[in-house]
Protein backbone atom coordinates (compact mmCIF):
# COMPACT_ATOMS: atom_id res chain seq x y z
CA MET A 1 -6.56 19.65 -0.83
CA LYS A 2 -4.17 16.81 -1.60
CA LYS A 3 -5.39 14.90 1.45
CA VAL A 4 -8.97 15.13 0.19
CA THR A 5 -7.92 14.01 -3.28
CA LEU A 6 -6.00 11.07 -1.89
CA THR A 7 -8.92 10.07 0.31
CA LEU A 8 -11.30 10.17 -2.63
CA LEU A 9 -8.91 8.14 -4.74
CA THR A 10 -8.62 5.63 -1.94
CA TYR A 11 -12.36 5.07 -1.93
CA ILE A 12 -12.42 4.79 -5.70
CA PHE A 13 -9.61 2.28 -5.45
CA ALA A 14 -11.41 0.25 -2.80
CA ALA A 15 -14.55 0.15 -4.89
CA THR A 16 -12.60 -1.17 -7.87
CA VAL A 17 -10.70 -3.98 -6.18
CA PHE A 18 -13.06 -6.45 -7.78
CA ALA A 19 -13.12 -4.60 -11.11
CA GLN A 20 -11.10 -5.17 -14.25
CA ASN A 21 -7.33 -5.16 -13.89
CA SER A 22 -6.74 -2.44 -16.51
CA TYR A 23 -9.01 0.01 -14.70
CA LEU A 24 -7.48 -0.96 -11.38
CA GLU A 25 -4.01 -0.21 -12.73
CA ILE A 26 -5.11 3.24 -13.88
CA VAL A 27 -6.47 4.00 -10.42
CA ARG A 28 -3.33 2.62 -8.75
CA SER A 29 -1.14 4.76 -11.03
CA THR A 30 -3.13 7.85 -10.08
CA ILE A 31 -2.81 7.04 -6.39
CA LYS A 32 0.93 6.52 -6.85
CA THR A 33 1.26 9.98 -8.40
CA GLU A 34 -0.86 11.62 -5.69
CA LYS A 35 1.09 9.82 -2.96
CA LYS A 36 4.39 11.09 -4.34
CA ALA A 37 3.05 14.65 -4.43
CA LEU A 38 1.80 14.34 -0.87
CA ILE A 39 5.15 12.92 0.31
CA ALA A 40 6.94 15.82 -1.40
CA GLU A 41 4.67 18.29 0.37
CA VAL A 42 5.10 16.63 3.77
CA MET A 43 8.85 16.10 3.58
CA GLN A 44 9.87 19.71 2.81
CA LEU A 45 13.29 18.64 1.52
CA SER A 46 16.15 20.85 0.53
CA ASP A 47 17.60 20.42 -2.96
CA ALA A 48 20.51 18.43 -1.52
CA GLU A 49 18.16 16.16 0.45
CA SER A 50 15.88 15.72 -2.56
CA SER A 51 18.68 14.50 -4.78
CA LEU A 52 19.45 11.76 -2.26
CA PHE A 53 15.91 10.96 -1.08
CA TRP A 54 13.95 10.52 -4.32
CA PRO A 55 16.04 7.68 -5.78
CA VAL A 56 15.68 5.74 -2.50
CA TYR A 57 11.97 6.59 -2.35
CA ASN A 58 11.40 5.42 -5.93
CA GLU A 59 13.24 2.15 -5.24
CA PHE A 60 11.20 1.59 -2.07
CA GLU A 61 7.91 2.37 -3.79
CA GLU A 62 8.68 0.03 -6.69
CA LYS A 63 9.19 -2.85 -4.27
CA TYR A 64 6.19 -1.83 -2.13
CA TYR A 65 4.04 -1.63 -5.27
CA LYS A 66 5.01 -5.20 -6.15
CA LEU A 67 4.07 -6.42 -2.66
CA ASN A 68 0.75 -4.58 -2.89
CA SER A 69 0.11 -6.17 -6.28
CA GLU A 70 0.51 -9.59 -4.71
CA TYR A 71 -1.83 -8.57 -1.90
CA TYR A 72 -4.50 -7.31 -4.32
CA THR A 73 -4.24 -10.61 -6.18
CA LEU A 74 -4.91 -12.29 -2.85
CA ILE A 75 -7.99 -10.10 -2.33
CA GLN A 76 -9.24 -11.14 -5.75
CA GLU A 77 -8.59 -14.78 -4.80
CA PHE A 78 -10.68 -14.23 -1.66
CA ALA A 79 -13.46 -12.70 -3.76
CA SER A 80 -13.39 -15.60 -6.22
CA ASN A 81 -13.78 -18.12 -3.42
CA PHE A 82 -16.08 -16.07 -1.20
CA GLU A 83 -19.28 -18.00 -1.91
CA ASN A 84 -17.73 -21.46 -1.39
CA MET A 85 -14.72 -20.94 0.84
CA SER A 86 -13.23 -24.28 1.82
CA ALA A 87 -11.21 -24.82 4.98
CA GLU A 88 -8.11 -25.43 2.86
CA LYS A 89 -8.57 -22.24 0.84
CA SER A 90 -9.23 -20.26 4.04
CA THR A 91 -5.96 -21.48 5.52
CA GLU A 92 -4.09 -20.75 2.29
CA ILE A 93 -5.45 -17.18 2.10
CA LEU A 94 -4.77 -16.58 5.78
CA LEU A 95 -1.15 -17.71 5.45
CA LYS A 96 -0.63 -15.64 2.29
CA ALA A 97 -2.10 -12.54 3.98
CA ASN A 98 0.20 -13.02 6.96
CA LYS A 99 3.21 -13.42 4.64
CA SER A 100 2.20 -10.25 2.83
CA HIS A 101 2.17 -8.26 6.07
CA LEU A 102 5.53 -9.71 7.11
CA ASP A 103 7.07 -8.96 3.71
CA LYS A 104 5.96 -5.32 3.95
CA ALA A 105 7.43 -5.04 7.45
CA LYS A 106 10.73 -6.55 6.25
CA LEU A 107 10.85 -4.11 3.36
CA GLU A 108 10.24 -1.15 5.65
CA LYS A 109 12.94 -2.36 8.03
CA ALA A 110 15.45 -2.59 5.18
CA TYR A 111 14.57 0.90 3.99
CA ILE A 112 14.82 2.46 7.45
CA LYS A 113 18.56 1.90 7.15
CA LYS A 114 18.64 3.30 3.62
CA MET A 115 16.53 6.35 4.50
CA THR A 116 18.62 7.23 7.56
CA LYS A 117 21.70 7.19 5.34
CA VAL A 118 20.26 9.90 3.08
CA LEU A 119 18.13 11.82 5.59
CA SER A 120 18.30 12.69 9.25
CA PRO A 121 16.57 10.10 11.47
CA GLN A 122 13.84 12.67 12.18
CA LYS A 123 13.11 13.19 8.47
CA ALA A 124 13.25 9.45 7.85
CA LEU A 125 10.70 8.99 10.64
CA ARG A 126 8.54 11.69 9.06
CA PHE A 127 8.65 9.84 5.74
CA PHE A 128 7.61 6.53 7.27
CA GLN A 129 4.87 8.22 9.28
CA ALA A 130 3.43 9.80 6.15
CA SER A 131 3.79 6.63 4.10
CA ASN A 132 2.17 4.52 6.81
CA LYS A 133 -0.73 6.96 7.20
CA ILE A 134 -1.42 6.72 3.48
CA SER A 135 -1.23 2.92 3.62
CA LEU A 136 -3.57 2.85 6.60
CA MET A 137 -6.12 4.99 4.75
CA ILE A 138 -6.02 2.60 1.80
CA ASP A 139 -6.24 -0.43 4.09
CA ALA A 140 -9.20 1.08 5.94
CA ALA A 141 -11.00 1.73 2.67
CA LEU A 142 -10.29 -1.82 1.53
CA ALA A 143 -11.47 -3.25 4.85
CA SER A 144 -14.76 -1.38 4.55
CA GLU A 145 -15.35 -2.88 1.09
CA ILE A 146 -14.37 -6.49 1.79
CA PRO A 147 -17.13 -8.42 3.52
CA LEU A 148 -16.50 -10.81 6.38
CA LEU A 149 -16.67 -14.45 5.45
CA GLU A 150 -20.17 -15.71 6.24
CA SER A 151 -19.98 -19.43 5.57
CA ILE A 152 -18.38 -20.55 8.82
CA GLU A 153 -18.67 -24.24 9.67
């Protein structure tokens, strides 16, 4: 049930990328809540593990949320320039998108160490698998909503 809910929220989110920021934040907040519930369900943590895991998770998600906010701003920048995309703006967006992906990878690498300090390596792997699957679903929904650039010179 939670997987279906998260999938539906992902599509709602993708459809609102170009919508007003206040509505987008409401949708993102809902997804954040659903993601946490799904992670809790998947992780099956003991009380002792939970007391150590959730503070690290919350810290990770706060930083990941900030990186995603920057990425969504970039998507809006792409949308604003879509009709008249210059070569310079294309290069700028491409470099920013690449930096965004690298920043997310660096964050995950830093938190692998933190997660394996509070969980077994197997449970840490399970967390990152679940988190990455959720991110991939969101990315796939976004990719289906963002058109390819047509004005190629």
